[in-house]
Every structure is written in C-alpha cells, then in structure tokens.
Amino acid sequence: MIVSFLVGGACAGVLSKNIESRMGGNDYSIVEKAQKQIDDLKKQGIDVTKIDDPQAKESLELLEKVPAKWKVDTAGILGMVVAFLAFIMVIVAFMKKEIVTKVSVLVVALSLILWIITPYIEAGKYSGVNPKTIALIALIGLAVSSGCAFMSYKLYLKKATSV
C-alpha cells in the first residue's frame, strides 16, 4: 500500500509541473490572439483551411498543438488534491477508521477523472514523460493503494468480529 501510494501520489503531485514544462512557455494570451485572428477570417467568409497565409497557418497549428486552458488548470489542481487525499487515505487506513472506505473510493474516482481530463501534449526536444502517461501511472498506483486501504479496513472488521 505504501509503495503504490508513493508512486501514485508522487505522479499525481508532479503532474502540474510536468504539464507546465511541456507547454514550452506557450502563453494563453498568444493562443487567444491566434483564435481571434482565425475567428476574424471566418467572419469574413474565408475558408481558413485553404488559405495560403503563413500567419494563419501558424495560428491554426498553434491552436491544434496547445490544449484547452481549463484542462491544463484543472489537471494540475486536481492532481495535487488527489495526492493530498491519497495521503489522508493512507493515514486513516493505519488508524483503522471507517471513513477509509469512502476516501478510497473518492481517491479512485478522482484519479480516473484526472486521467480522463489530463491533456496529451506532444513531446518537445527536452521534455520528459507525457502528462497522460503520468496520470495513468498515478491512477494505477492510487487504485492499488486504495484497494489495499479498503481491504485492510474490511479485514480488520472481519478480524475484530471473529475474536
């Protein structure tokens, strides 16, 4: 339980830094300007996919490459929340409290949501592991840890009632 918590919790906790490093300094103000430029061209009735303007093509490539801002922000915050809840779950599991069942289910559910919303960001020249992969490792590690915490309490109840 401890080893899987350490792996899953560490991956969930560092997810925001990984996404930040993968973004490569792409500021969302640049993305908003590119979106405005594309919207202006569409309002003029120009098909942006068939245009020969290099600036418009660059704007389209930027919009395809950069994930949605809400996904980036939410994944980073949710990763830290999941890591904190997993830490609480491990502590409560050793205290043999009933709340461990609810917290373990919550940790697995939030880890799954984290994996779903984490954006897939293409690798750069010096970037590390993909954020989607880190979220998957966190999901697996925290699911194993949650299962162990859940079962430790259930086995404790079984042992306490049989004695």
N, C-alpha and C. Protein backbone atom coordinates (compact mmCIF):
# COMPACT_ATOMS: atom_id res chain seq x y z
N MET A 1 0.83 -1.18 0.00
CA MET A 1 0.00 0.00 0.00
C MET A 1 0.88 1.25 0.00
N ILE A 2 1.91 1.25 0.79
CA ILE A 2 2.77 2.43 0.90
C ILE A 2 3.51 2.69 -0.41
N VAL A 3 4.07 1.65 -1.00
CA VAL A 3 4.84 1.82 -2.24
C VAL A 3 3.95 2.32 -3.37
N SER A 4 2.77 1.74 -3.50
CA SER A 4 1.87 2.19 -4.57
C SER A 4 1.37 3.60 -4.29
N PHE A 5 1.18 3.96 -3.01
CA PHE A 5 0.82 5.34 -2.69
C PHE A 5 1.94 6.30 -3.06
N LEU A 6 3.17 5.93 -2.75
CA LEU A 6 4.30 6.81 -3.06
C LEU A 6 4.43 7.04 -4.56
N VAL A 7 4.26 5.97 -5.34
CA VAL A 7 4.36 6.11 -6.79
C VAL A 7 3.19 6.92 -7.34
N GLY A 8 1.98 6.53 -6.98
CA GLY A 8 0.79 7.22 -7.49
C GLY A 8 0.67 8.64 -6.99
N GLY A 9 0.94 8.85 -5.71
CA GLY A 9 0.86 10.19 -5.14
C GLY A 9 1.91 11.12 -5.72
N ALA A 10 3.11 10.60 -5.91
CA ALA A 10 4.17 11.43 -6.50
C ALA A 10 3.82 11.81 -7.94
N CYS A 11 3.31 10.87 -8.69
CA CYS A 11 2.93 11.16 -10.08
C CYS A 11 1.79 12.18 -10.14
N ALA A 12 0.81 12.02 -9.28
CA ALA A 12 -0.31 12.97 -9.27
C ALA A 12 0.16 14.35 -8.82
N GLY A 13 1.07 14.38 -7.85
CA GLY A 13 1.55 15.65 -7.33
C GLY A 13 2.41 16.44 -8.30
N VAL A 14 3.21 15.76 -9.11
CA VAL A 14 4.11 16.46 -10.03
C VAL A 14 3.48 16.69 -11.40
N LEU A 15 2.24 16.30 -11.56
CA LEU A 15 1.59 16.43 -12.86
C LEU A 15 1.52 17.88 -13.33
N SER A 16 1.26 18.80 -12.43
CA SER A 16 1.15 20.21 -12.85
C SER A 16 2.49 20.73 -13.35
N LYS A 17 3.58 20.35 -12.71
CA LYS A 17 4.91 20.77 -13.16
C LYS A 17 5.25 20.15 -14.51
N ASN A 18 4.83 18.90 -14.72
CA ASN A 18 5.08 18.25 -15.99
C ASN A 18 4.33 18.93 -17.12
N ILE A 19 3.08 19.28 -16.88
CA ILE A 19 2.29 19.96 -17.90
C ILE A 19 2.90 21.33 -18.19
N GLU A 20 3.32 22.01 -17.14
CA GLU A 20 3.93 23.33 -17.30
C GLU A 20 5.20 23.25 -18.14
N SER A 21 6.02 22.24 -17.90
CA SER A 21 7.25 22.11 -18.69
C SER A 21 6.96 21.69 -20.12
N ARG A 22 5.90 20.94 -20.33
CA ARG A 22 5.53 20.51 -21.68
C ARG A 22 4.96 21.65 -22.51
N MET A 23 4.37 22.61 -21.84
CA MET A 23 3.77 23.73 -22.57
C MET A 23 4.85 24.54 -23.28
N GLY A 24 6.06 24.48 -22.82
CA GLY A 24 7.17 25.15 -23.51
C GLY A 24 7.05 26.65 -23.52
N GLY A 25 6.45 27.22 -22.52
CA GLY A 25 6.33 28.68 -22.46
C GLY A 25 5.21 29.24 -23.31
N ASN A 26 4.35 28.39 -23.85
CA ASN A 26 3.21 28.89 -24.62
C ASN A 26 2.24 29.57 -23.69
N ASP A 27 2.14 30.86 -23.83
CA ASP A 27 1.24 31.66 -23.01
C ASP A 27 -0.13 31.66 -23.68
N TYR A 28 -1.17 31.61 -22.88
CA TYR A 28 -2.51 31.55 -23.45
C TYR A 28 -2.94 32.87 -24.07
N SER A 29 -2.22 33.96 -23.82
CA SER A 29 -2.54 35.22 -24.50
C SER A 29 -2.23 35.08 -26.00
N ILE A 30 -1.17 34.34 -26.32
CA ILE A 30 -0.83 34.09 -27.72
C ILE A 30 -1.91 33.23 -28.37
N VAL A 31 -2.39 32.24 -27.62
CA VAL A 31 -3.44 31.36 -28.14
C VAL A 31 -4.73 32.14 -28.37
N GLU A 32 -5.05 33.05 -27.46
CA GLU A 32 -6.26 33.86 -27.62
C GLU A 32 -6.16 34.78 -28.83
N LYS A 33 -4.96 35.33 -29.07
CA LYS A 33 -4.77 36.17 -30.26
C LYS A 33 -4.92 35.35 -31.54
N ALA A 34 -4.38 34.16 -31.53
CA ALA A 34 -4.49 33.29 -32.70
C ALA A 34 -5.94 32.90 -32.95
N GLN A 35 -6.68 32.62 -31.88
CA GLN A 35 -8.09 32.27 -32.02
C GLN A 35 -8.89 33.45 -32.55
N LYS A 36 -8.56 34.64 -32.08
CA LYS A 36 -9.25 35.85 -32.57
C LYS A 36 -8.97 36.07 -34.06
N GLN A 37 -7.73 35.84 -34.47
CA GLN A 37 -7.37 36.01 -35.88
C GLN A 37 -8.15 35.02 -36.75
N ILE A 38 -8.24 33.78 -36.31
CA ILE A 38 -8.97 32.76 -37.07
C ILE A 38 -10.46 33.09 -37.11
N ASP A 39 -11.00 33.55 -35.99
CA ASP A 39 -12.42 33.93 -35.95
C ASP A 39 -12.71 35.10 -36.88
N ASP A 40 -11.79 36.07 -36.93
CA ASP A 40 -11.97 37.21 -37.84
C ASP A 40 -11.97 36.76 -39.29
N LEU A 41 -11.09 35.83 -39.64
CA LEU A 41 -11.05 35.31 -41.01
C LEU A 41 -12.33 34.55 -41.35
N LYS A 42 -12.86 33.81 -40.37
CA LYS A 42 -14.10 33.07 -40.60
C LYS A 42 -15.28 34.02 -40.78
N LYS A 43 -15.28 35.13 -40.04
CA LYS A 43 -16.36 36.11 -40.18
C LYS A 43 -16.34 36.77 -41.55
N GLN A 44 -15.15 36.88 -42.15
CA GLN A 44 -15.02 37.47 -43.48
C GLN A 44 -15.41 36.47 -44.56
N GLY A 45 -15.70 35.24 -44.16
CA GLY A 45 -16.12 34.23 -45.12
C GLY A 45 -14.96 33.48 -45.77
N ILE A 46 -13.78 33.57 -45.19
CA ILE A 46 -12.60 32.91 -45.75
C ILE A 46 -12.46 31.53 -45.14
N ASP A 47 -12.24 30.53 -45.99
CA ASP A 47 -12.01 29.17 -45.52
C ASP A 47 -10.56 29.09 -45.02
N VAL A 48 -10.40 28.98 -43.70
CA VAL A 48 -9.06 29.05 -43.11
C VAL A 48 -8.22 27.81 -43.40
N THR A 49 -8.84 26.72 -43.77
CA THR A 49 -8.08 25.51 -44.06
C THR A 49 -7.43 25.57 -45.44
N LYS A 50 -7.95 26.43 -46.32
CA LYS A 50 -7.43 26.52 -47.69
C LYS A 50 -6.67 27.82 -47.95
N ILE A 51 -6.41 28.57 -46.92
CA ILE A 51 -5.74 29.86 -47.10
C ILE A 51 -4.23 29.65 -47.19
N ASP A 52 -3.56 30.49 -47.96
CA ASP A 52 -2.11 30.38 -48.14
C ASP A 52 -1.32 31.31 -47.24
N ASP A 53 -1.99 32.04 -46.38
CA ASP A 53 -1.32 32.98 -45.47
C ASP A 53 -0.52 32.19 -44.42
N PRO A 54 0.80 32.40 -44.36
CA PRO A 54 1.61 31.65 -43.40
C PRO A 54 1.26 31.97 -41.94
N GLN A 55 0.84 33.20 -41.69
CA GLN A 55 0.47 33.57 -40.32
C GLN A 55 -0.80 32.84 -39.89
N ALA A 56 -1.75 32.70 -40.80
CA ALA A 56 -2.97 31.97 -40.49
C ALA A 56 -2.68 30.48 -40.28
N LYS A 57 -1.79 29.92 -41.08
CA LYS A 57 -1.41 28.52 -40.91
C LYS A 57 -0.71 28.30 -39.57
N GLU A 58 0.13 29.26 -39.20
CA GLU A 58 0.84 29.17 -37.92
C GLU A 58 -0.15 29.25 -36.76
N SER A 59 -1.17 30.10 -36.91
CA SER A 59 -2.19 30.21 -35.87
C SER A 59 -2.99 28.92 -35.74
N LEU A 60 -3.33 28.31 -36.86
CA LEU A 60 -4.05 27.04 -36.83
C LEU A 60 -3.21 25.94 -36.18
N GLU A 61 -1.93 25.88 -36.49
CA GLU A 61 -1.05 24.89 -35.88
C GLU A 61 -0.94 25.10 -34.37
N LEU A 62 -0.86 26.35 -33.96
CA LEU A 62 -0.78 26.66 -32.53
C LEU A 62 -2.05 26.22 -31.81
N LEU A 63 -3.19 26.47 -32.43
CA LEU A 63 -4.47 26.09 -31.81
C LEU A 63 -4.62 24.58 -31.71
N GLU A 64 -4.07 23.85 -32.67
CA GLU A 64 -4.13 22.39 -32.63
C GLU A 64 -3.17 21.82 -31.59
N LYS A 65 -2.03 22.47 -31.42
CA LYS A 65 -0.98 21.96 -30.56
C LYS A 65 -1.24 22.21 -29.08
N VAL A 66 -1.78 23.35 -28.74
CA VAL A 66 -1.95 23.73 -27.34
C VAL A 66 -3.31 23.23 -26.83
N PRO A 67 -3.32 22.52 -25.70
CA PRO A 67 -4.59 22.03 -25.15
C PRO A 67 -5.41 23.16 -24.55
N ALA A 68 -6.65 22.87 -24.27
CA ALA A 68 -7.55 23.87 -23.69
C ALA A 68 -7.05 24.31 -22.32
N LYS A 69 -7.22 25.58 -22.03
CA LYS A 69 -6.73 26.15 -20.77
C LYS A 69 -7.37 25.50 -19.56
N TRP A 70 -8.65 25.19 -19.63
CA TRP A 70 -9.33 24.59 -18.48
C TRP A 70 -8.76 23.23 -18.17
N LYS A 71 -8.36 22.48 -19.20
CA LYS A 71 -7.78 21.16 -18.94
C LYS A 71 -6.44 21.27 -18.23
N VAL A 72 -5.63 22.21 -18.66
CA VAL A 72 -4.32 22.40 -18.05
C VAL A 72 -4.47 22.84 -16.59
N ASP A 73 -5.32 23.82 -16.36
CA ASP A 73 -5.52 24.32 -15.00
C ASP A 73 -6.14 23.27 -14.08
N THR A 74 -7.17 22.61 -14.56
CA THR A 74 -7.88 21.63 -13.75
C THR A 74 -7.02 20.41 -13.45
N ALA A 75 -6.27 19.94 -14.42
CA ALA A 75 -5.44 18.76 -14.20
C ALA A 75 -4.37 19.02 -13.16
N GLY A 76 -3.77 20.18 -13.18
CA GLY A 76 -2.74 20.50 -12.19
C GLY A 76 -3.29 20.56 -10.78
N ILE A 77 -4.41 21.25 -10.61
CA ILE A 77 -5.02 21.39 -9.28
C ILE A 77 -5.57 20.05 -8.80
N LEU A 78 -6.25 19.33 -9.68
CA LEU A 78 -6.84 18.05 -9.30
C LEU A 78 -5.75 17.03 -8.94
N GLY A 79 -4.61 17.09 -9.61
CA GLY A 79 -3.50 16.20 -9.27
C GLY A 79 -3.02 16.41 -7.85
N MET A 80 -2.90 17.66 -7.45
CA MET A 80 -2.48 17.95 -6.08
C MET A 80 -3.54 17.54 -5.06
N VAL A 81 -4.81 17.74 -5.39
CA VAL A 81 -5.89 17.33 -4.50
C VAL A 81 -5.91 15.81 -4.33
N VAL A 82 -5.74 15.09 -5.42
CA VAL A 82 -5.73 13.62 -5.36
C VAL A 82 -4.55 13.13 -4.52
N ALA A 83 -3.39 13.73 -4.70
CA ALA A 83 -2.23 13.33 -3.91
C ALA A 83 -2.47 13.58 -2.42
N PHE A 84 -3.08 14.71 -2.08
CA PHE A 84 -3.38 15.02 -0.68
C PHE A 84 -4.40 14.04 -0.11
N LEU A 85 -5.47 13.76 -0.87
CA LEU A 85 -6.48 12.81 -0.40
C LEU A 85 -5.91 11.40 -0.24
N ALA A 86 -5.00 11.03 -1.12
CA ALA A 86 -4.36 9.71 -1.00
C ALA A 86 -3.52 9.64 0.26
N PHE A 87 -2.84 10.73 0.60
CA PHE A 87 -2.07 10.77 1.84
C PHE A 87 -2.98 10.62 3.05
N ILE A 88 -4.10 11.33 3.03
CA ILE A 88 -5.09 11.21 4.11
C ILE A 88 -5.62 9.78 4.18
N MET A 89 -5.86 9.17 3.03
CA MET A 89 -6.37 7.80 2.99
C MET A 89 -5.41 6.83 3.65
N VAL A 90 -4.12 6.97 3.39
CA VAL A 90 -3.14 6.07 3.97
C VAL A 90 -3.09 6.25 5.49
N ILE A 91 -3.14 7.48 5.93
CA ILE A 91 -3.12 7.73 7.38
C ILE A 91 -4.34 7.13 8.05
N VAL A 92 -5.51 7.35 7.46
CA VAL A 92 -6.75 6.83 8.03
C VAL A 92 -6.78 5.30 7.96
N ALA A 93 -6.16 4.72 6.95
CA ALA A 93 -6.12 3.26 6.84
C ALA A 93 -5.33 2.65 7.99
N PHE A 94 -4.26 3.29 8.39
CA PHE A 94 -3.48 2.77 9.51
C PHE A 94 -4.18 3.01 10.85
N MET A 95 -5.08 3.99 10.89
CA MET A 95 -5.84 4.26 12.11
C MET A 95 -7.07 3.35 12.20
N LYS A 96 -7.35 2.60 11.14
CA LYS A 96 -8.49 1.67 11.07
C LYS A 96 -9.82 2.37 11.32
N LYS A 97 -10.02 3.52 10.67
CA LYS A 97 -11.27 4.26 10.77
C LYS A 97 -12.19 3.87 9.62
N GLU A 98 -13.48 3.97 9.85
CA GLU A 98 -14.47 3.58 8.84
C GLU A 98 -14.44 4.48 7.62
N ILE A 99 -14.03 5.71 7.77
CA ILE A 99 -14.03 6.68 6.67
C ILE A 99 -13.07 6.28 5.54
N VAL A 100 -12.18 5.34 5.81
CA VAL A 100 -11.22 4.92 4.79
C VAL A 100 -11.93 4.33 3.57
N THR A 101 -13.09 3.73 3.76
CA THR A 101 -13.80 3.16 2.61
C THR A 101 -14.28 4.26 1.67
N LYS A 102 -14.80 5.34 2.25
CA LYS A 102 -15.29 6.45 1.42
C LYS A 102 -14.14 7.20 0.76
N VAL A 103 -13.07 7.41 1.51
CA VAL A 103 -11.93 8.14 0.96
C VAL A 103 -11.25 7.33 -0.14
N SER A 104 -11.16 6.02 0.03
CA SER A 104 -10.51 5.20 -1.00
C SER A 104 -11.31 5.19 -2.30
N VAL A 105 -12.62 5.15 -2.20
CA VAL A 105 -13.46 5.22 -3.40
C VAL A 105 -13.32 6.60 -4.05
N LEU A 106 -13.29 7.64 -3.23
CA LEU A 106 -13.13 9.01 -3.74
C LEU A 106 -11.79 9.18 -4.44
N VAL A 107 -10.74 8.62 -3.89
CA VAL A 107 -9.40 8.72 -4.50
C VAL A 107 -9.38 8.03 -5.86
N VAL A 108 -9.97 6.86 -5.96
CA VAL A 108 -10.00 6.15 -7.24
C VAL A 108 -10.84 6.93 -8.26
N ALA A 109 -11.99 7.45 -7.84
CA ALA A 109 -12.85 8.20 -8.76
C ALA A 109 -12.14 9.47 -9.25
N LEU A 110 -11.52 10.21 -8.35
CA LEU A 110 -10.82 11.43 -8.75
C LEU A 110 -9.58 11.12 -9.60
N SER A 111 -8.92 10.01 -9.33
CA SER A 111 -7.78 9.62 -10.16
C SER A 111 -8.22 9.28 -11.57
N LEU A 112 -9.36 8.64 -11.69
CA LEU A 112 -9.90 8.33 -13.02
C LEU A 112 -10.28 9.61 -13.76
N ILE A 113 -10.92 10.54 -13.07
CA ILE A 113 -11.26 11.83 -13.68
C ILE A 113 -10.00 12.57 -14.09
N LEU A 114 -8.98 12.51 -13.23
CA LEU A 114 -7.70 13.16 -13.54
C LEU A 114 -7.10 12.59 -14.83
N TRP A 115 -7.13 11.28 -14.96
CA TRP A 115 -6.58 10.66 -16.16
C TRP A 115 -7.39 11.06 -17.41
N ILE A 116 -8.69 11.16 -17.26
CA ILE A 116 -9.54 11.50 -18.41
C ILE A 116 -9.29 12.93 -18.87
N ILE A 117 -9.16 13.88 -17.94
CA ILE A 117 -9.05 15.28 -18.35
C ILE A 117 -7.63 15.73 -18.63
N THR A 118 -6.64 14.93 -18.24
CA THR A 118 -5.26 15.34 -18.48
C THR A 118 -5.00 15.41 -19.98
N PRO A 119 -4.46 16.53 -20.46
CA PRO A 119 -4.24 16.67 -21.90
C PRO A 119 -3.02 15.87 -22.37
N TYR A 120 -3.12 15.40 -23.59
CA TYR A 120 -1.98 14.76 -24.24
C TYR A 120 -1.21 15.87 -24.93
N ILE A 121 0.03 16.07 -24.51
CA ILE A 121 0.85 17.13 -25.08
C ILE A 121 2.03 16.49 -25.78
N GLU A 122 2.22 16.84 -27.04
CA GLU A 122 3.32 16.30 -27.82
C GLU A 122 4.66 16.56 -27.15
N ALA A 123 5.58 15.66 -27.35
CA ALA A 123 6.91 15.78 -26.76
C ALA A 123 7.72 16.87 -27.46
N GLY A 124 8.44 17.60 -26.66
CA GLY A 124 9.37 18.58 -27.20
C GLY A 124 10.75 17.97 -27.29
N LYS A 125 11.73 18.79 -27.55
CA LYS A 125 13.09 18.27 -27.70
C LYS A 125 13.64 17.75 -26.38
N TYR A 126 13.39 18.47 -25.28
CA TYR A 126 13.95 18.07 -24.00
C TYR A 126 12.89 17.75 -22.95
N SER A 127 11.71 17.42 -23.37
CA SER A 127 10.65 17.17 -22.39
C SER A 127 10.69 15.73 -21.92
N GLY A 128 10.03 15.51 -20.82
CA GLY A 128 10.02 14.18 -20.21
C GLY A 128 8.81 13.38 -20.64
N VAL A 129 8.27 12.66 -19.69
CA VAL A 129 7.15 11.76 -19.94
C VAL A 129 5.88 12.57 -20.21
N ASN A 130 5.05 12.05 -21.06
CA ASN A 130 3.78 12.67 -21.42
C ASN A 130 2.88 12.78 -20.19
N PRO A 131 2.17 13.90 -20.00
CA PRO A 131 1.29 14.05 -18.83
C PRO A 131 0.19 12.98 -18.76
N LYS A 132 -0.30 12.54 -19.91
CA LYS A 132 -1.34 11.50 -19.92
C LYS A 132 -0.80 10.20 -19.34
N THR A 133 0.47 9.89 -19.63
CA THR A 133 1.10 8.68 -19.10
C THR A 133 1.31 8.81 -17.60
N ILE A 134 1.73 9.98 -17.15
CA ILE A 134 1.92 10.20 -15.71
C ILE A 134 0.58 10.04 -14.98
N ALA A 135 -0.49 10.56 -15.56
CA ALA A 135 -1.81 10.43 -14.94
C ALA A 135 -2.25 8.96 -14.90
N LEU A 136 -1.90 8.18 -15.92
CA LEU A 136 -2.23 6.76 -15.92
C LEU A 136 -1.45 6.01 -14.84
N ILE A 137 -0.18 6.34 -14.68
CA ILE A 137 0.62 5.71 -13.62
C ILE A 137 0.05 6.08 -12.24
N ALA A 138 -0.35 7.34 -12.09
CA ALA A 138 -0.97 7.77 -10.83
C ALA A 138 -2.26 7.02 -10.58
N LEU A 139 -3.07 6.85 -11.62
CA LEU A 139 -4.33 6.12 -11.48
C LEU A 139 -4.09 4.68 -11.03
N ILE A 140 -3.16 4.01 -11.66
CA ILE A 140 -2.88 2.62 -11.31
C ILE A 140 -2.32 2.52 -9.89
N GLY A 141 -1.35 3.36 -9.57
CA GLY A 141 -0.76 3.32 -8.24
C GLY A 141 -1.76 3.64 -7.14
N LEU A 142 -2.57 4.66 -7.36
CA LEU A 142 -3.54 5.03 -6.34
C LEU A 142 -4.70 4.05 -6.26
N ALA A 143 -5.04 3.39 -7.36
CA ALA A 143 -6.08 2.37 -7.32
C ALA A 143 -5.61 1.17 -6.50
N VAL A 144 -4.36 0.77 -6.68
CA VAL A 144 -3.81 -0.33 -5.89
C VAL A 144 -3.75 0.06 -4.41
N SER A 145 -3.28 1.27 -4.15
CA SER A 145 -3.20 1.76 -2.77
C SER A 145 -4.59 1.85 -2.14
N SER A 146 -5.56 2.33 -2.89
CA SER A 146 -6.93 2.42 -2.38
C SER A 146 -7.51 1.05 -2.11
N GLY A 147 -7.25 0.12 -3.00
CA GLY A 147 -7.72 -1.25 -2.79
C GLY A 147 -7.13 -1.86 -1.53
N CYS A 148 -5.85 -1.63 -1.32
CA CYS A 148 -5.20 -2.14 -0.11
C CYS A 148 -5.76 -1.49 1.14
N ALA A 149 -5.98 -0.18 1.10
CA ALA A 149 -6.54 0.53 2.25
C ALA A 149 -7.96 0.05 2.54
N PHE A 150 -8.76 -0.12 1.48
CA PHE A 150 -10.12 -0.59 1.63
C PHE A 150 -10.14 -1.99 2.25
N MET A 151 -9.31 -2.87 1.71
CA MET A 151 -9.28 -4.25 2.21
C MET A 151 -8.68 -4.34 3.61
N SER A 152 -7.75 -3.47 3.94
CA SER A 152 -7.18 -3.53 5.29
C SER A 152 -8.25 -3.23 6.34
N TYR A 153 -9.12 -2.29 6.03
CA TYR A 153 -10.20 -2.00 6.96
C TYR A 153 -11.21 -3.14 7.01
N LYS A 154 -11.56 -3.69 5.85
CA LYS A 154 -12.53 -4.79 5.82
C LYS A 154 -11.98 -6.02 6.57
N LEU A 155 -10.70 -6.32 6.38
CA LEU A 155 -10.10 -7.44 7.09
C LEU A 155 -10.00 -7.17 8.58
N TYR A 156 -9.78 -5.91 8.95
CA TYR A 156 -9.74 -5.53 10.36
C TYR A 156 -11.12 -5.76 10.99
N LEU A 157 -12.19 -5.39 10.27
CA LEU A 157 -13.55 -5.61 10.79
C LEU A 157 -13.83 -7.09 10.93
N LYS A 158 -13.42 -7.87 9.95
CA LYS A 158 -13.66 -9.30 9.99
C LYS A 158 -12.90 -9.92 11.16
N LYS A 159 -11.69 -9.49 11.37
CA LYS A 159 -10.86 -9.99 12.45
C LYS A 159 -11.44 -9.57 13.82
N ALA A 160 -11.93 -8.33 13.90
CA ALA A 160 -12.47 -7.83 15.15
C ALA A 160 -13.77 -8.52 15.53
N THR A 161 -14.60 -8.87 14.55
CA THR A 161 -15.88 -9.53 14.85
C THR A 161 -15.70 -11.01 15.14
N SER A 162 -14.65 -11.63 14.63
CA SER A 162 -14.45 -13.05 14.87
C SER A 162 -13.78 -13.31 16.21
N VAL A 163 -13.16 -12.35 16.79
CA VAL A 163 -12.46 -12.53 18.07
C VAL A 163 -13.37 -12.37 19.22
